């Protein structure tokens, strides 16, 4: 079950009536450095080329509240505040115990987004971007926005890779 805790940095919620999208980056404690590298590597393609988008970035930790993990995440959120592409950066906790192993843990983490009292945390569509997914060109997030809008309209439920 998701906890209600989140940390965020933002310039406000998407404008009223606009679709509400998020890029969700799931991870577990052992992947914190990989997550940091994926999000902050200077040579990585930029998510947007034309400035701020009405898209949030959600760092989705598999575990529950954890002082050392949360401290690292707060530091990461602070660094991500410099990225002009995202409206807000939030941290969510899935609250999955260490006794839940692979593949049940990541499956539970994914399903929990849909089974909370506010499915997908209230977003109309999310892009589930695991750590082995790497963008190949600048503006990648702008390029997938039409597909996210298609999902938000209910035209599709799951979409595979987009090139």
C-alpha atoms as a PDB file:
ATOM      1  CA  UNK A   1       0.000   0.000   0.000  1.00  0.00           C
ATOM      2  CA  UNK A   2       1.306   3.464  -0.794  1.00  0.00           C
ATOM      3  CA  UNK A   3       2.006   5.772   2.065  1.00  0.00           C
ATOM      4  CA  UNK A   4       0.762   9.308   1.802  1.00  0.00           C
ATOM      5  CA  UNK A   5       4.210  10.760   2.273  1.00  0.00           C
ATOM      6  CA  UNK A   6       5.779  12.793  -0.459  1.00  0.00           C
ATOM      7  CA  UNK A   7       8.381  15.474  -0.823  1.00  0.00           C
ATOM      8  CA  UNK A   8       8.146  17.926  -3.666  1.00  0.00           C
ATOM      9  CA  UNK A   9       9.645  20.901  -5.364  1.00  0.00           C
ATOM     10  CA  UNK A  10       7.404  22.698  -7.763  1.00  0.00           C
ATOM     11  CA  UNK A  11       6.111  25.619  -9.686  1.00  0.00           C
ATOM     12  CA  UNK A  12       2.493  24.725  -9.030  1.00  0.00           C
ATOM     13  CA  UNK A  13       0.067  22.124 -10.259  1.00  0.00           C
ATOM     14  CA  UNK A  14      -0.881  21.781 -13.910  1.00  0.00           C
ATOM     15  CA  UNK A  15      -3.384  24.368 -15.044  1.00  0.00           C
ATOM     16  CA  UNK A  16      -7.027  23.619 -14.410  1.00  0.00           C
ATOM     17  CA  UNK A  17      -8.537  21.367 -17.059  1.00  0.00           C
ATOM     18  CA  UNK A  18      -5.160  20.263 -18.423  1.00  0.00           C
ATOM     19  CA  UNK A  19      -4.203  16.613 -18.496  1.00  0.00           C
ATOM     20  CA  UNK A  20      -2.080  15.599 -15.561  1.00  0.00           C
ATOM     21  CA  UNK A  21       0.950  13.492 -16.468  1.00  0.00           C
ATOM     22  CA  UNK A  22       3.929  12.068 -14.590  1.00  0.00           C
ATOM     23  CA  UNK A  23       7.138  10.235 -15.340  1.00  0.00           C
ATOM     24  CA  UNK A  24       7.456   7.541 -12.649  1.00  0.00           C
ATOM     25  CA  UNK A  25      10.958   6.269 -11.818  1.00  0.00           C
ATOM     26  CA  UNK A  26      10.591   3.118  -9.653  1.00  0.00           C
ATOM     27  CA  UNK A  27      13.589   1.987  -7.614  1.00  0.00           C
ATOM     28  CA  UNK A  28      14.680   0.211  -4.419  1.00  0.00           C
ATOM     29  CA  UNK A  29      17.335   1.340  -1.923  1.00  0.00           C
ATOM     30  CA  UNK A  30      20.176  -0.493  -3.676  1.00  0.00           C
ATOM     31  CA  UNK A  31      19.474   1.491  -6.849  1.00  0.00           C
ATOM     32  CA  UNK A  32      19.779   4.999  -5.379  1.00  0.00           C
ATOM     33  CA  UNK A  33      23.148   5.715  -6.997  1.00  0.00           C
ATOM     34  CA  UNK A  34      21.942   4.334 -10.347  1.00  0.00           C
ATOM     35  CA  UNK A  35      18.836   6.527 -10.114  1.00  0.00           C
ATOM     36  CA  UNK A  36      20.966   9.580  -9.309  1.00  0.00           C
ATOM     37  CA  UNK A  37      23.273   8.853 -12.265  1.00  0.00           C
ATOM     38  CA  UNK A  38      20.343   8.319 -14.639  1.00  0.00           C
ATOM     39  CA  UNK A  39      18.734  11.617 -13.679  1.00  0.00           C
ATOM     40  CA  UNK A  40      21.798  13.843 -13.327  1.00  0.00           C
ATOM     41  CA  UNK A  41      24.343  12.548 -15.847  1.00  0.00           C
ATOM     42  CA  UNK A  42      25.417  15.630 -17.858  1.00  0.00           C
ATOM     43  CA  UNK A  43      25.677  13.650 -21.104  1.00  0.00           C
ATOM     44  CA  UNK A  44      22.143  12.205 -20.820  1.00  0.00           C
ATOM     45  CA  UNK A  45      19.585  13.513 -23.325  1.00  0.00           C
ATOM     46  CA  UNK A  46      17.488  16.354 -21.909  1.00  0.00           C
ATOM     47  CA  UNK A  47      13.813  15.579 -21.301  1.00  0.00           C
ATOM     48  CA  UNK A  48      12.668  18.803 -22.960  1.00  0.00           C
ATOM     49  CA  UNK A  49      14.029  21.346 -25.391  1.00  0.00           C
ATOM     50  CA  UNK A  50      11.327  24.028 -25.201  1.00  0.00           C
ATOM     51  CA  UNK A  51      11.149  24.690 -21.465  1.00  0.00           C
ATOM     52  CA  UNK A  52       8.904  23.617 -18.602  1.00  0.00           C
ATOM     53  CA  UNK A  53       6.281  20.970 -19.260  1.00  0.00           C
ATOM     54  CA  UNK A  54       3.158  20.235 -17.237  1.00  0.00           C
ATOM     55  CA  UNK A  55       4.621  16.859 -16.275  1.00  0.00           C
ATOM     56  CA  UNK A  56       5.727  15.783 -12.804  1.00  0.00           C
ATOM     57  CA  UNK A  57       8.653  13.505 -12.001  1.00  0.00           C
ATOM     58  CA  UNK A  58       7.789  10.905  -9.339  1.00  0.00           C
ATOM     59  CA  UNK A  59      10.652   9.045  -7.643  1.00  0.00           C
ATOM     60  CA  UNK A  60       8.841   5.894  -6.499  1.00  0.00           C
ATOM     61  CA  UNK A  61      10.708   4.064  -3.734  1.00  0.00           C
ATOM     62  CA  UNK A  62       9.710   0.422  -3.232  1.00  0.00           C
ATOM     63  CA  UNK A  63      10.218   0.549   0.539  1.00  0.00           C
ATOM     64  CA  UNK A  64       8.683   2.577   3.312  1.00  0.00           C
ATOM     65  CA  UNK A  65       9.924   5.700   5.021  1.00  0.00           C
ATOM     66  CA  UNK A  66      13.630   5.240   5.795  1.00  0.00           C
ATOM     67  CA  UNK A  67      15.790   8.022   7.238  1.00  0.00           C
ATOM     68  CA  UNK A  68      18.920   7.350   5.174  1.00  0.00           C
ATOM     69  CA  UNK A  69      17.013   6.769   1.925  1.00  0.00           C
ATOM     70  CA  UNK A  70      14.812   9.817   2.519  1.00  0.00           C
ATOM     71  CA  UNK A  71      17.864  11.983   3.236  1.00  0.00           C
ATOM     72  CA  UNK A  72      19.444  10.896  -0.054  1.00  0.00           C
ATOM     73  CA  UNK A  73      16.166  11.515  -1.867  1.00  0.00           C
ATOM     74  CA  UNK A  74      15.814  15.013  -0.409  1.00  0.00           C
ATOM     75  CA  UNK A  75      19.296  15.784  -1.691  1.00  0.00           C
ATOM     76  CA  UNK A  76      18.395  14.389  -5.119  1.00  0.00           C
ATOM     77  CA  UNK A  77      15.123  16.368  -5.245  1.00  0.00           C
ATOM     78  CA  UNK A  78      17.153  19.504  -4.470  1.00  0.00           C
ATOM     79  CA  UNK A  79      19.500  18.807  -7.366  1.00  0.00           C
ATOM     80  CA  UNK A  80      16.588  18.043  -9.694  1.00  0.00           C
ATOM     81  CA  UNK A  81      15.095  21.447  -8.850  1.00  0.00           C
ATOM     82  CA  UNK A  82      17.578  22.802 -11.411  1.00  0.00           C
ATOM     83  CA  UNK A  83      15.932  20.763 -14.214  1.00  0.00           C
ATOM     84  CA  UNK A  84      13.526  23.094 -16.026  1.00  0.00           C
ATOM     85  CA  UNK A  85      11.549  20.294 -17.691  1.00  0.00           C
ATOM     86  CA  UNK A  86       9.384  19.055 -14.819  1.00  0.00           C
ATOM     87  CA  UNK A  87       6.601  20.974 -13.086  1.00  0.00           C
ATOM     88  CA  UNK A  88       7.229  19.163  -9.790  1.00  0.00           C
ATOM     89  CA  UNK A  89       9.492  16.473  -8.379  1.00  0.00           C
ATOM     90  CA  UNK A  90       7.821  14.188  -5.829  1.00  0.00           C
ATOM     91  CA  UNK A  91       8.858  11.171  -3.790  1.00  0.00           C
ATOM     92  CA  UNK A  92       6.379   8.359  -3.147  1.00  0.00           C
ATOM     93  CA  UNK A  93       6.859   5.242  -1.009  1.00  0.00           C
ATOM     94  CA  UNK A  94       5.296   1.891  -1.890  1.00  0.00           C
ATOM     95  CA  UNK A  95       5.912   0.513   1.617  1.00  0.00           C
ATOM     96  CA  UNK A  96       6.893  -2.963   0.427  1.00  0.00           C
ATOM     97  CA  UNK A  97       8.740  -4.925   3.106  1.00  0.00           C
ATOM     98  CA  UNK A  98      12.192  -6.435   2.600  1.00  0.00           C
ATOM     99  CA  UNK A  99      10.694  -9.912   2.920  1.00  0.00           C
ATOM    100  CA  UNK A 100       8.967  -9.494  -0.454  1.00  0.00           C
ATOM    101  CA  UNK A 101      11.416 -10.660  -3.095  1.00  0.00           C
ATOM    102  CA  UNK A 102      11.811 -10.435  -6.825  1.00  0.00           C
ATOM    103  CA  UNK A 103       9.654 -10.527  -8.967  1.00  0.00           C
ATOM    104  CA  UNK A 104       6.797  -9.996  -6.489  1.00  0.00           C
ATOM    105  CA  UNK A 105       8.185  -6.702  -5.115  1.00  0.00           C
ATOM    106  CA  UNK A 106       8.343  -4.728  -8.399  1.00  0.00           C
ATOM    107  CA  UNK A 107       5.028  -6.222  -9.528  1.00  0.00           C
ATOM    108  CA  UNK A 108       3.420  -5.158  -6.248  1.00  0.00           C
ATOM    109  CA  UNK A 109       4.962  -1.705  -6.573  1.00  0.00           C
ATOM    110  CA  UNK A 110       3.425  -1.292 -10.048  1.00  0.00           C
ATOM    111  CA  UNK A 111      -0.013  -2.643  -9.108  1.00  0.00           C
ATOM    112  CA  UNK A 112      -0.153  -0.486  -5.970  1.00  0.00           C
ATOM    113  CA  UNK A 113      -0.295   2.631  -8.156  1.00  0.00           C
ATOM    114  CA  UNK A 114      -3.696   1.456  -9.394  1.00  0.00           C
ATOM    115  CA  UNK A 115      -5.141   0.145  -6.125  1.00  0.00           C
ATOM    116  CA  UNK A 116      -4.718   3.196  -3.901  1.00  0.00           C
ATOM    117  CA  UNK A 117      -7.682   5.367  -2.951  1.00  0.00           C
ATOM    118  CA  UNK A 118      -6.493   7.779  -5.668  1.00  0.00           C
ATOM    119  CA  UNK A 119      -5.251   5.568  -8.531  1.00  0.00           C
ATOM    120  CA  UNK A 120      -2.048   6.795 -10.172  1.00  0.00           C
ATOM    121  CA  UNK A 121      -1.940   9.486  -7.458  1.00  0.00           C
ATOM    122  CA  UNK A 122      -4.550  11.393  -9.447  1.00  0.00           C
ATOM    123  CA  UNK A 123      -2.602  11.586 -12.714  1.00  0.00           C
ATOM    124  CA  UNK A 124      -4.415  10.985 -16.004  1.00  0.00           C
ATOM    125  CA  UNK A 125      -1.449   9.032 -17.406  1.00  0.00           C
ATOM    126  CA  UNK A 126       2.017   8.003 -16.265  1.00  0.00           C
ATOM    127  CA  UNK A 127       5.152   6.929 -18.073  1.00  0.00           C
ATOM    128  CA  UNK A 128       6.671   4.049 -16.068  1.00  0.00           C
ATOM    129  CA  UNK A 129      10.396   4.509 -16.679  1.00  0.00           C
ATOM    130  CA  UNK A 130      12.501   1.804 -15.064  1.00  0.00           C
ATOM    131  CA  UNK A 131      16.214   2.353 -14.623  1.00  0.00           C
ATOM    132  CA  UNK A 132      17.109   0.247 -17.651  1.00  0.00           C
ATOM    133  CA  UNK A 133      15.115   2.617 -19.891  1.00  0.00           C
ATOM    134  CA  UNK A 134      17.396   5.247 -21.377  1.00  0.00           C
ATOM    135  CA  UNK A 135      16.311   8.125 -23.608  1.00  0.00           C
ATOM    136  CA  UNK A 136      18.211   8.389 -26.888  1.00  0.00           C
ATOM    137  CA  UNK A 137      17.634  12.016 -27.884  1.00  0.00           C
ATOM    138  CA  UNK A 138      16.981  15.458 -26.462  1.00  0.00           C
ATOM    139  CA  UNK A 139      13.304  16.337 -26.132  1.00  0.00           C
ATOM    140  CA  UNK A 140      12.287  12.716 -25.490  1.00  0.00           C
ATOM    141  CA  UNK A 141       9.569  13.685 -23.009  1.00  0.00           C
ATOM    142  CA  UNK A 142       8.029  16.194 -25.416  1.00  0.00           C
ATOM    143  CA  UNK A 143       7.971  13.443 -28.046  1.00  0.00           C
ATOM    144  CA  UNK A 144       5.956  11.028 -25.885  1.00  0.00           C
ATOM    145  CA  UNK A 145       3.378  13.591 -24.697  1.00  0.00           C
ATOM    146  CA  UNK A 146       0.935  12.756 -27.547  1.00  0.00           C
ATOM    147  CA  UNK A 147       1.047   9.091 -26.501  1.00  0.00           C
ATOM    148  CA  UNK A 148       0.436  10.075 -22.876  1.00  0.00           C
ATOM    149  CA  UNK A 149      -2.545  12.178 -24.015  1.00  0.00           C
ATOM    150  CA  UNK A 150      -3.854   9.140 -25.908  1.00  0.00           C
ATOM    151  CA  UNK A 151      -3.639   7.078 -22.718  1.00  0.00           C
ATOM    152  CA  UNK A 152      -5.289   9.866 -20.698  1.00  0.00           C
ATOM    153  CA  UNK A 153      -8.259   9.832 -23.099  1.00  0.00           C
ATOM    154  CA  UNK A 154      -8.624   6.094 -22.494  1.00  0.00           C
ATOM    155  CA  UNK A 155      -7.730   5.190 -26.081  1.00  0.00           C
ATOM    156  CA  UNK A 156      -4.996   2.846 -24.812  1.00  0.00           C
ATOM    157  CA  UNK A 157      -4.122   1.334 -21.450  1.00  0.00           C
ATOM    158  CA  UNK A 158      -0.509   0.280 -21.992  1.00  0.00           C
ATOM    159  CA  UNK A 159       1.806   1.400 -24.770  1.00  0.00           C
ATOM    160  CA  UNK A 160       5.138  -0.185 -25.620  1.00  0.00           C
ATOM    161  CA  UNK A 161       8.308   1.544 -26.749  1.00  0.00           C
ATOM    162  CA  UNK A 162       8.076   4.728 -28.788  1.00  0.00           C
ATOM    163  CA  UNK A 163      10.937   5.771 -31.089  1.00  0.00           C
END
